[in-house]
Structure formats: structure tokens, C-alpha cells
Amino acid sequence: MNGLRLNKQTHGCIKNIHAFQMNIALQITHYINSLPAAKSGEMLALHNRILQLLPDARLWFLDGKDASGKVVSNPNIGYGMQKMQYADGKTKDFYQIGLSANTTGISVYIMGLANKKYLPETYGQTIGKASVTGYCIKFKSLKDIDLQVLESAILDGIKQIHE
């Protein structure tokens, strides 16, 4: 017989990985559904668009709480994976693209860019009504930005991280 043979242990690991990813997908769905209707609709639209842009990206969900359960940030949906290196040399797996609702709108994070001036210089003038920093594009509503420019920034960020 040709092909992959699974023993019980291997099959169990594959089932656990699948269950873990399904759990993340459910957490993301719950998070998006917990938002006010207008923001929920925009977050869902962006989430689906990012999934279309990055169909094989690893999904992440960070609930915004630290180890003690204290809220330290807004929840984040993450896409992709990169190794972040800290000043002390330690590394950590983290997402490449992040999506988060905040009190004034939506933030899209493009992590891992070496040049912190790249996003504002490249996309700041063309994206529309948004605040663009070294790794974050923040806007009030989808109608305020050029979605094509946001998609280009996301894909450009992914490309740069993997060069």
C-alpha cells in the first residue's frame, strides 16, 4: 500500500492539531460576534478578505489578557507566523498580520518590518483616512480607506518578512 500510514499516536496528534485550529476559529468567530453590529460586520469582512489573501496562513487569537487574566490589550486575530527576536537574543513565534477592533475603529498590524518608515512613506498618502505608523494602520471604518491599498500593504508586509 502506497501513501502515509497513521498509527494511533500520529492520528491522535493530527486530530489534536485540527481541534486546536478549530478552537482558534471558534474563538475568532465569538470575538467578532461579540462586537457591536457595525464593527462586527467590518471585522468579519476584513477577516474573510485576509483569509482570501493568505489562505495557508496560520491563525492566531490573542484574548488581550496576561497570564493572571488581567486585560492588557484589545483582543487580536493573527495570520501567518514569523520568529520575533528580542534584544537579549531570545526568539518567539508570533503572527505577521494582526487585526483588532479598538474604541475608535480597527487596527491592522503588519509585524516584522525592518524599516519602521516603510509603511507610512509607502502607504500613508494613498490609503485614505487612516493613521499609519511603523507597523500599524488604524482607521475608523472601511469606508474611510482604499481597501486595495490596505491589501497591497498586507501582501507587501508578508513579502518583506520572507525575503
N, C-alpha and C. Protein backbone atom coordinates (compact mmCIF):
# COMPACT_ATOMS: atom_id res chain seq x y z
N MET A 1 0.84 -1.19 0.00
CA MET A 1 0.00 0.00 0.00
C MET A 1 0.88 1.25 0.00
N ASN A 2 0.69 2.14 -0.94
CA ASN A 2 1.44 3.39 -1.00
C ASN A 2 0.73 4.46 -0.19
N GLY A 3 1.49 5.45 0.24
CA GLY A 3 0.88 6.56 0.96
C GLY A 3 1.27 6.56 2.43
N LEU A 4 0.71 7.47 3.16
CA LEU A 4 1.01 7.67 4.57
C LEU A 4 0.23 6.69 5.42
N ARG A 5 0.92 6.03 6.34
CA ARG A 5 0.26 5.12 7.27
C ARG A 5 0.24 5.80 8.63
N LEU A 6 -0.90 5.87 9.21
CA LEU A 6 -1.05 6.52 10.50
C LEU A 6 -1.20 5.49 11.60
N ASN A 7 -0.38 5.62 12.64
CA ASN A 7 -0.63 4.80 13.81
C ASN A 7 -1.55 5.59 14.74
N LYS A 8 -1.97 5.01 15.82
CA LYS A 8 -2.93 5.68 16.71
C LYS A 8 -2.36 6.98 17.27
N GLN A 9 -1.06 6.97 17.61
CA GLN A 9 -0.45 8.17 18.18
C GLN A 9 -0.39 9.30 17.14
N THR A 10 0.05 9.00 15.92
CA THR A 10 0.12 10.02 14.87
C THR A 10 -1.27 10.55 14.55
N HIS A 11 -2.23 9.65 14.43
CA HIS A 11 -3.60 10.05 14.14
C HIS A 11 -4.13 10.96 15.25
N GLY A 12 -3.82 10.63 16.50
CA GLY A 12 -4.25 11.47 17.63
C GLY A 12 -3.65 12.85 17.58
N CYS A 13 -2.36 12.95 17.20
CA CYS A 13 -1.70 14.26 17.09
C CYS A 13 -2.35 15.10 16.00
N ILE A 14 -2.64 14.48 14.86
CA ILE A 14 -3.29 15.21 13.76
C ILE A 14 -4.67 15.70 14.20
N LYS A 15 -5.42 14.84 14.90
CA LYS A 15 -6.73 15.25 15.40
C LYS A 15 -6.59 16.41 16.38
N ASN A 16 -5.55 16.39 17.25
CA ASN A 16 -5.35 17.47 18.22
C ASN A 16 -5.00 18.78 17.53
N ILE A 17 -4.15 18.72 16.50
CA ILE A 17 -3.80 19.94 15.76
C ILE A 17 -5.05 20.50 15.10
N HIS A 18 -5.84 19.63 14.48
CA HIS A 18 -7.08 20.08 13.84
C HIS A 18 -8.03 20.69 14.87
N ALA A 19 -8.17 20.06 16.03
CA ALA A 19 -9.04 20.57 17.08
C ALA A 19 -8.54 21.92 17.59
N PHE A 20 -7.21 22.06 17.71
CA PHE A 20 -6.63 23.32 18.17
C PHE A 20 -6.96 24.44 17.20
N GLN A 21 -6.78 24.19 15.89
CA GLN A 21 -7.09 25.21 14.89
C GLN A 21 -8.58 25.52 14.87
N MET A 22 -9.43 24.50 15.05
CA MET A 22 -10.87 24.74 15.11
C MET A 22 -11.22 25.59 16.33
N ASN A 23 -10.55 25.35 17.45
CA ASN A 23 -10.79 26.14 18.65
C ASN A 23 -10.44 27.61 18.39
N ILE A 24 -9.35 27.86 17.69
CA ILE A 24 -8.97 29.23 17.36
C ILE A 24 -10.03 29.85 16.46
N ALA A 25 -10.49 29.12 15.47
CA ALA A 25 -11.53 29.63 14.57
C ALA A 25 -12.80 29.97 15.35
N LEU A 26 -13.15 29.13 16.31
CA LEU A 26 -14.34 29.42 17.14
C LEU A 26 -14.13 30.64 18.02
N GLN A 27 -12.93 30.79 18.57
CA GLN A 27 -12.62 31.98 19.38
C GLN A 27 -12.73 33.25 18.53
N ILE A 28 -12.23 33.18 17.31
CA ILE A 28 -12.30 34.33 16.40
C ILE A 28 -13.75 34.66 16.09
N THR A 29 -14.53 33.65 15.78
CA THR A 29 -15.95 33.86 15.50
C THR A 29 -16.66 34.48 16.69
N HIS A 30 -16.39 33.97 17.88
CA HIS A 30 -17.01 34.50 19.10
C HIS A 30 -16.60 35.97 19.31
N TYR A 31 -15.32 36.26 19.12
CA TYR A 31 -14.82 37.64 19.28
C TYR A 31 -15.53 38.58 18.29
N ILE A 32 -15.55 38.22 17.02
CA ILE A 32 -16.18 39.08 16.02
C ILE A 32 -17.66 39.27 16.33
N ASN A 33 -18.35 38.20 16.70
CA ASN A 33 -19.78 38.28 17.02
C ASN A 33 -20.07 39.08 18.28
N SER A 34 -19.08 39.23 19.16
CA SER A 34 -19.28 39.97 20.41
C SER A 34 -19.19 41.49 20.21
N LEU A 35 -18.74 41.91 19.05
CA LEU A 35 -18.57 43.34 18.77
C LEU A 35 -19.91 43.97 18.39
N PRO A 36 -20.03 45.30 18.54
CA PRO A 36 -21.24 45.98 18.05
C PRO A 36 -21.46 45.67 16.56
N ALA A 37 -22.70 45.64 16.13
CA ALA A 37 -23.07 45.17 14.79
C ALA A 37 -22.25 45.78 13.66
N ALA A 38 -22.13 47.10 13.62
CA ALA A 38 -21.41 47.73 12.52
C ALA A 38 -19.94 47.31 12.49
N LYS A 39 -19.31 47.31 13.65
CA LYS A 39 -17.90 46.94 13.72
C LYS A 39 -17.73 45.44 13.45
N SER A 40 -18.66 44.64 13.92
CA SER A 40 -18.63 43.20 13.70
C SER A 40 -18.66 42.90 12.20
N GLY A 41 -19.51 43.58 11.47
CA GLY A 41 -19.61 43.38 10.02
C GLY A 41 -18.32 43.74 9.31
N GLU A 42 -17.70 44.84 9.71
CA GLU A 42 -16.46 45.26 9.08
C GLU A 42 -15.30 44.32 9.45
N MET A 43 -15.27 43.90 10.71
CA MET A 43 -14.22 42.96 11.13
C MET A 43 -14.36 41.63 10.39
N LEU A 44 -15.59 41.16 10.23
CA LEU A 44 -15.82 39.91 9.51
C LEU A 44 -15.40 40.05 8.05
N ALA A 45 -15.74 41.17 7.44
CA ALA A 45 -15.35 41.41 6.04
C ALA A 45 -13.82 41.42 5.90
N LEU A 46 -13.14 42.09 6.82
CA LEU A 46 -11.67 42.13 6.76
C LEU A 46 -11.07 40.76 7.04
N HIS A 47 -11.60 40.07 8.04
CA HIS A 47 -11.12 38.73 8.36
C HIS A 47 -11.24 37.81 7.14
N ASN A 48 -12.39 37.82 6.50
CA ASN A 48 -12.58 36.97 5.32
C ASN A 48 -11.66 37.38 4.18
N ARG A 49 -11.44 38.67 4.02
CA ARG A 49 -10.55 39.14 2.95
C ARG A 49 -9.11 38.72 3.22
N ILE A 50 -8.67 38.82 4.47
CA ILE A 50 -7.30 38.41 4.80
C ILE A 50 -7.16 36.90 4.59
N LEU A 51 -8.18 36.14 4.94
CA LEU A 51 -8.14 34.69 4.69
C LEU A 51 -8.03 34.38 3.20
N GLN A 52 -8.67 35.20 2.35
CA GLN A 52 -8.55 35.02 0.90
C GLN A 52 -7.14 35.38 0.42
N LEU A 53 -6.57 36.45 1.00
CA LEU A 53 -5.23 36.88 0.61
C LEU A 53 -4.16 35.89 1.07
N LEU A 54 -4.38 35.31 2.25
CA LEU A 54 -3.39 34.43 2.88
C LEU A 54 -4.04 33.09 3.24
N PRO A 55 -4.45 32.31 2.25
CA PRO A 55 -5.25 31.11 2.54
C PRO A 55 -4.53 30.05 3.37
N ASP A 56 -3.22 30.01 3.35
CA ASP A 56 -2.49 28.98 4.09
C ASP A 56 -1.89 29.50 5.39
N ALA A 57 -2.23 30.73 5.76
CA ALA A 57 -1.64 31.33 6.95
C ALA A 57 -2.15 30.67 8.23
N ARG A 58 -1.25 30.53 9.18
CA ARG A 58 -1.64 30.03 10.49
C ARG A 58 -2.53 31.08 11.15
N LEU A 59 -3.60 30.63 11.80
CA LEU A 59 -4.49 31.54 12.53
C LEU A 59 -4.08 31.63 13.99
N TRP A 60 -4.22 32.81 14.56
CA TRP A 60 -3.93 33.07 15.96
C TRP A 60 -5.12 33.80 16.56
N PHE A 61 -5.31 33.64 17.85
CA PHE A 61 -6.24 34.50 18.58
C PHE A 61 -5.64 34.81 19.94
N LEU A 62 -5.45 36.09 20.20
CA LEU A 62 -4.95 36.55 21.49
C LEU A 62 -6.09 37.31 22.16
N ASP A 63 -6.47 36.88 23.34
CA ASP A 63 -7.63 37.47 24.00
C ASP A 63 -7.34 38.79 24.70
N GLY A 64 -6.09 39.23 24.69
CA GLY A 64 -5.74 40.51 25.30
C GLY A 64 -5.46 40.44 26.79
N LYS A 65 -5.41 39.23 27.34
CA LYS A 65 -5.18 39.07 28.78
C LYS A 65 -3.81 38.48 29.04
N ASP A 66 -3.21 38.90 30.16
CA ASP A 66 -1.92 38.32 30.54
C ASP A 66 -2.15 37.01 31.30
N ALA A 67 -1.07 36.42 31.78
CA ALA A 67 -1.15 35.11 32.45
C ALA A 67 -2.05 35.12 33.68
N SER A 68 -2.19 36.29 34.32
CA SER A 68 -3.03 36.38 35.52
C SER A 68 -4.50 36.66 35.18
N GLY A 69 -4.79 36.88 33.89
CA GLY A 69 -6.16 37.15 33.47
C GLY A 69 -6.49 38.63 33.38
N LYS A 70 -5.50 39.48 33.64
CA LYS A 70 -5.70 40.93 33.56
C LYS A 70 -5.70 41.37 32.09
N VAL A 71 -6.66 42.23 31.73
CA VAL A 71 -6.72 42.75 30.36
C VAL A 71 -5.57 43.74 30.16
N VAL A 72 -4.73 43.45 29.15
CA VAL A 72 -3.58 44.30 28.87
C VAL A 72 -3.60 44.89 27.46
N SER A 73 -4.50 44.38 26.61
CA SER A 73 -4.63 44.91 25.25
C SER A 73 -5.98 44.49 24.69
N ASN A 74 -6.32 45.03 23.53
CA ASN A 74 -7.51 44.58 22.83
C ASN A 74 -7.24 43.18 22.27
N PRO A 75 -8.27 42.35 22.16
CA PRO A 75 -8.07 41.05 21.51
C PRO A 75 -7.55 41.24 20.08
N ASN A 76 -6.78 40.27 19.61
CA ASN A 76 -6.18 40.31 18.27
C ASN A 76 -6.40 39.00 17.55
N ILE A 77 -6.71 39.11 16.26
CA ILE A 77 -6.70 37.97 15.37
C ILE A 77 -5.38 38.05 14.61
N GLY A 78 -4.68 36.94 14.52
CA GLY A 78 -3.40 36.94 13.83
C GLY A 78 -3.39 35.98 12.66
N TYR A 79 -2.53 36.28 11.69
CA TYR A 79 -2.41 35.48 10.47
C TYR A 79 -0.93 35.31 10.14
N GLY A 80 -0.54 34.08 9.80
CA GLY A 80 0.84 33.83 9.42
C GLY A 80 1.71 33.57 10.64
N MET A 81 3.02 33.40 10.40
CA MET A 81 3.93 33.18 11.50
C MET A 81 5.31 33.69 11.15
N GLN A 82 5.94 34.28 12.13
CA GLN A 82 7.31 34.74 12.00
C GLN A 82 8.01 34.48 13.33
N LYS A 83 9.32 34.51 13.30
CA LYS A 83 10.11 34.44 14.52
C LYS A 83 10.52 35.86 14.88
N MET A 84 10.07 36.30 16.05
CA MET A 84 10.49 37.61 16.54
C MET A 84 11.72 37.40 17.41
N GLN A 85 12.72 38.26 17.23
CA GLN A 85 13.92 38.15 18.05
C GLN A 85 14.02 39.37 18.95
N TYR A 86 14.19 39.10 20.22
CA TYR A 86 14.32 40.16 21.22
C TYR A 86 15.78 40.59 21.34
N ALA A 87 16.00 41.73 21.99
CA ALA A 87 17.35 42.28 22.15
C ALA A 87 18.28 41.30 22.87
N ASP A 88 17.72 40.49 23.77
CA ASP A 88 18.56 39.53 24.51
C ASP A 88 18.85 38.26 23.72
N GLY A 89 18.37 38.20 22.45
CA GLY A 89 18.63 37.06 21.59
C GLY A 89 17.55 36.00 21.61
N LYS A 90 16.64 36.04 22.57
CA LYS A 90 15.57 35.05 22.62
C LYS A 90 14.61 35.27 21.45
N THR A 91 13.98 34.19 21.01
CA THR A 91 13.02 34.29 19.91
C THR A 91 11.66 33.81 20.36
N LYS A 92 10.65 34.26 19.63
CA LYS A 92 9.27 33.88 19.93
C LYS A 92 8.51 33.81 18.62
N ASP A 93 7.69 32.77 18.45
CA ASP A 93 6.79 32.70 17.30
C ASP A 93 5.67 33.71 17.51
N PHE A 94 5.32 34.43 16.45
CA PHE A 94 4.26 35.43 16.53
C PHE A 94 3.65 35.60 15.15
N TYR A 95 2.47 36.20 15.10
CA TYR A 95 1.81 36.39 13.81
C TYR A 95 2.49 37.49 13.00
N GLN A 96 2.23 37.48 11.68
CA GLN A 96 2.76 38.51 10.79
C GLN A 96 1.76 39.65 10.59
N ILE A 97 0.50 39.30 10.47
CA ILE A 97 -0.56 40.28 10.25
C ILE A 97 -1.54 40.15 11.41
N GLY A 98 -1.92 41.27 12.00
CA GLY A 98 -2.88 41.26 13.09
C GLY A 98 -4.07 42.14 12.78
N LEU A 99 -5.20 41.80 13.36
CA LEU A 99 -6.44 42.54 13.17
C LEU A 99 -7.11 42.70 14.52
N SER A 100 -7.48 43.94 14.85
CA SER A 100 -8.07 44.19 16.15
C SER A 100 -9.06 45.35 16.08
N ALA A 101 -10.18 45.17 16.77
CA ALA A 101 -11.12 46.29 16.94
C ALA A 101 -10.65 47.09 18.15
N ASN A 102 -10.83 48.40 18.08
CA ASN A 102 -10.49 49.26 19.22
C ASN A 102 -11.61 50.27 19.42
N THR A 103 -11.48 51.12 20.41
CA THR A 103 -12.58 52.04 20.74
C THR A 103 -12.91 53.01 19.61
N THR A 104 -11.94 53.33 18.77
CA THR A 104 -12.19 54.30 17.70
C THR A 104 -12.29 53.69 16.32
N GLY A 105 -12.11 52.38 16.19
CA GLY A 105 -12.18 51.77 14.87
C GLY A 105 -11.51 50.42 14.82
N ILE A 106 -10.65 50.25 13.81
CA ILE A 106 -9.99 48.98 13.55
C ILE A 106 -8.51 49.23 13.32
N SER A 107 -7.68 48.31 13.82
CA SER A 107 -6.24 48.37 13.58
C SER A 107 -5.80 47.12 12.84
N VAL A 108 -4.95 47.32 11.84
CA VAL A 108 -4.31 46.22 11.12
C VAL A 108 -2.81 46.36 11.40
N TYR A 109 -2.23 45.30 11.95
CA TYR A 109 -0.81 45.30 12.30
C TYR A 109 -0.04 44.51 11.26
N ILE A 110 1.06 45.08 10.79
CA ILE A 110 1.95 44.40 9.87
C ILE A 110 3.29 44.30 10.58
N MET A 111 3.52 43.14 11.16
CA MET A 111 4.63 42.94 12.07
C MET A 111 5.89 42.48 11.33
N GLY A 112 7.03 42.82 11.90
CA GLY A 112 8.31 42.30 11.42
C GLY A 112 9.00 43.12 10.35
N LEU A 113 8.47 44.29 10.02
CA LEU A 113 9.14 45.12 9.01
C LEU A 113 10.40 45.74 9.61
N ALA A 114 11.51 45.64 8.91
CA ALA A 114 12.77 46.18 9.42
C ALA A 114 12.79 47.70 9.41
N ASN A 115 12.23 48.29 8.36
CA ASN A 115 12.22 49.74 8.20
C ASN A 115 10.90 50.30 8.73
N LYS A 116 10.93 50.96 9.87
CA LYS A 116 9.71 51.46 10.50
C LYS A 116 9.12 52.68 9.77
N LYS A 117 9.82 53.21 8.78
CA LYS A 117 9.29 54.31 7.98
C LYS A 117 8.59 53.82 6.73
N TYR A 118 8.76 52.51 6.42
CA TYR A 118 8.26 51.97 5.16
C TYR A 118 6.75 52.12 5.00
N LEU A 119 5.97 51.66 5.97
CA LEU A 119 4.50 51.74 5.85
C LEU A 119 4.01 53.18 5.68
N PRO A 120 4.41 54.10 6.59
CA PRO A 120 3.89 55.47 6.42
C PRO A 120 4.35 56.13 5.12
N GLU A 121 5.60 55.88 4.72
CA GLU A 121 6.10 56.50 3.49
C GLU A 121 5.48 55.89 2.23
N THR A 122 5.21 54.60 2.26
CA THR A 122 4.71 53.91 1.07
C THR A 122 3.19 53.98 0.94
N TYR A 123 2.48 53.91 2.07
CA TYR A 123 1.02 53.81 2.01
C TYR A 123 0.28 54.95 2.71
N GLY A 124 0.98 55.76 3.48
CA GLY A 124 0.34 56.81 4.27
C GLY A 124 -0.46 57.82 3.46
N GLN A 125 0.00 58.13 2.26
CA GLN A 125 -0.66 59.14 1.44
C GLN A 125 -1.76 58.58 0.55
N THR A 126 -1.79 57.26 0.37
CA THR A 126 -2.73 56.68 -0.60
C THR A 126 -3.84 55.83 0.03
N ILE A 127 -3.70 55.50 1.31
CA ILE A 127 -4.65 54.57 1.91
C ILE A 127 -5.98 55.23 2.25
N GLY A 128 -5.98 56.53 2.39
CA GLY A 128 -7.22 57.22 2.76
C GLY A 128 -7.12 57.76 4.18
N LYS A 129 -8.25 57.87 4.83
CA LYS A 129 -8.32 58.46 6.16
C LYS A 129 -7.92 57.42 7.21
N ALA A 130 -6.59 57.34 7.45
CA ALA A 130 -6.04 56.36 8.38
C ALA A 130 -4.77 56.91 9.00
N SER A 131 -4.47 56.41 10.17
CA SER A 131 -3.20 56.70 10.82
C SER A 131 -2.26 55.54 10.50
N VAL A 132 -1.10 55.84 9.93
CA VAL A 132 -0.17 54.79 9.53
C VAL A 132 1.15 55.00 10.26
N THR A 133 1.53 54.01 11.08
CA THR A 133 2.79 54.07 11.82
C THR A 133 3.73 53.00 11.28
N GLY A 134 4.78 52.72 11.98
CA GLY A 134 5.78 51.75 11.54
C GLY A 134 5.26 50.34 11.37
N TYR A 135 4.19 49.99 12.08
CA TYR A 135 3.65 48.63 11.96
C TYR A 135 2.13 48.57 12.06
N CYS A 136 1.45 49.71 12.11
CA CYS A 136 0.00 49.71 12.32
C CYS A 136 -0.71 50.67 11.37
N ILE A 137 -1.83 50.19 10.81
CA ILE A 137 -2.73 51.03 10.02
C ILE A 137 -4.04 51.05 10.77
N LYS A 138 -4.41 52.24 11.27
CA LYS A 138 -5.59 52.39 12.11
C LYS A 138 -6.59 53.31 11.43
N PHE A 139 -7.85 52.87 11.37
CA PHE A 139 -8.88 53.66 10.70
C PHE A 139 -10.20 53.46 11.42
N LYS A 140 -11.11 54.40 11.19
CA LYS A 140 -12.40 54.35 11.86
C LYS A 140 -13.34 53.33 11.22
N SER A 141 -13.38 53.31 9.89
CA SER A 141 -14.32 52.45 9.17
C SER A 141 -13.74 52.07 7.81
N LEU A 142 -14.17 50.95 7.28
CA LEU A 142 -13.71 50.52 5.95
C LEU A 142 -14.00 51.56 4.88
N LYS A 143 -15.09 52.29 5.05
CA LYS A 143 -15.45 53.29 4.03
C LYS A 143 -14.45 54.45 3.99
N ASP A 144 -13.61 54.56 5.02
CA ASP A 144 -12.63 55.65 5.08
C ASP A 144 -11.32 55.33 4.37
N ILE A 145 -11.14 54.07 3.98
CA ILE A 145 -9.86 53.69 3.38
C ILE A 145 -10.04 53.05 2.01
N ASP A 146 -8.95 52.99 1.27
CA ASP A 146 -8.90 52.28 0.00
C ASP A 146 -8.49 50.84 0.32
N LEU A 147 -9.43 49.92 0.23
CA LEU A 147 -9.19 48.53 0.60
C LEU A 147 -8.10 47.90 -0.26
N GLN A 148 -8.00 48.30 -1.52
CA GLN A 148 -6.94 47.77 -2.40
C GLN A 148 -5.56 48.15 -1.86
N VAL A 149 -5.44 49.36 -1.35
CA VAL A 149 -4.15 49.81 -0.79
C VAL A 149 -3.84 49.02 0.48
N LEU A 150 -4.84 48.80 1.33
CA LEU A 150 -4.63 48.01 2.54
C LEU A 150 -4.18 46.59 2.17
N GLU A 151 -4.83 45.98 1.19
CA GLU A 151 -4.44 44.64 0.76
C GLU A 151 -3.01 44.63 0.24
N SER A 152 -2.62 45.65 -0.51
CA SER A 152 -1.25 45.75 -1.01
C SER A 152 -0.26 45.86 0.14
N ALA A 153 -0.61 46.64 1.15
CA ALA A 153 0.28 46.79 2.31
C ALA A 153 0.45 45.46 3.03
N ILE A 154 -0.63 44.71 3.19
CA ILE A 154 -0.58 43.40 3.85
C ILE A 154 0.32 42.45 3.06
N LEU A 155 0.08 42.34 1.76
CA LEU A 155 0.87 41.43 0.93
C LEU A 155 2.34 41.87 0.85
N ASP A 156 2.56 43.17 0.80
CA ASP A 156 3.91 43.71 0.78
C ASP A 156 4.63 43.37 2.09
N GLY A 157 3.91 43.50 3.20
CA GLY A 157 4.50 43.16 4.50
C GLY A 157 4.88 41.70 4.59
N ILE A 158 4.01 40.82 4.11
CA ILE A 158 4.30 39.39 4.11
C ILE A 158 5.53 39.10 3.25
N LYS A 159 5.59 39.73 2.09
CA LYS A 159 6.72 39.52 1.17
C LYS A 159 8.03 39.97 1.82
N GLN A 160 8.02 41.13 2.45
CA GLN A 160 9.23 41.65 3.08
C GLN A 160 9.72 40.77 4.21
N ILE A 161 8.81 40.24 4.98
CA ILE A 161 9.19 39.40 6.12
C ILE A 161 9.89 38.13 5.63
N HIS A 162 9.49 37.64 4.46
CA HIS A 162 10.04 36.38 3.96
C HIS A 162 11.20 36.56 3.00
N GLU A 163 11.67 37.78 2.83
CA GLU A 163 12.83 37.99 1.94
C GLU A 163 14.12 37.71 2.66
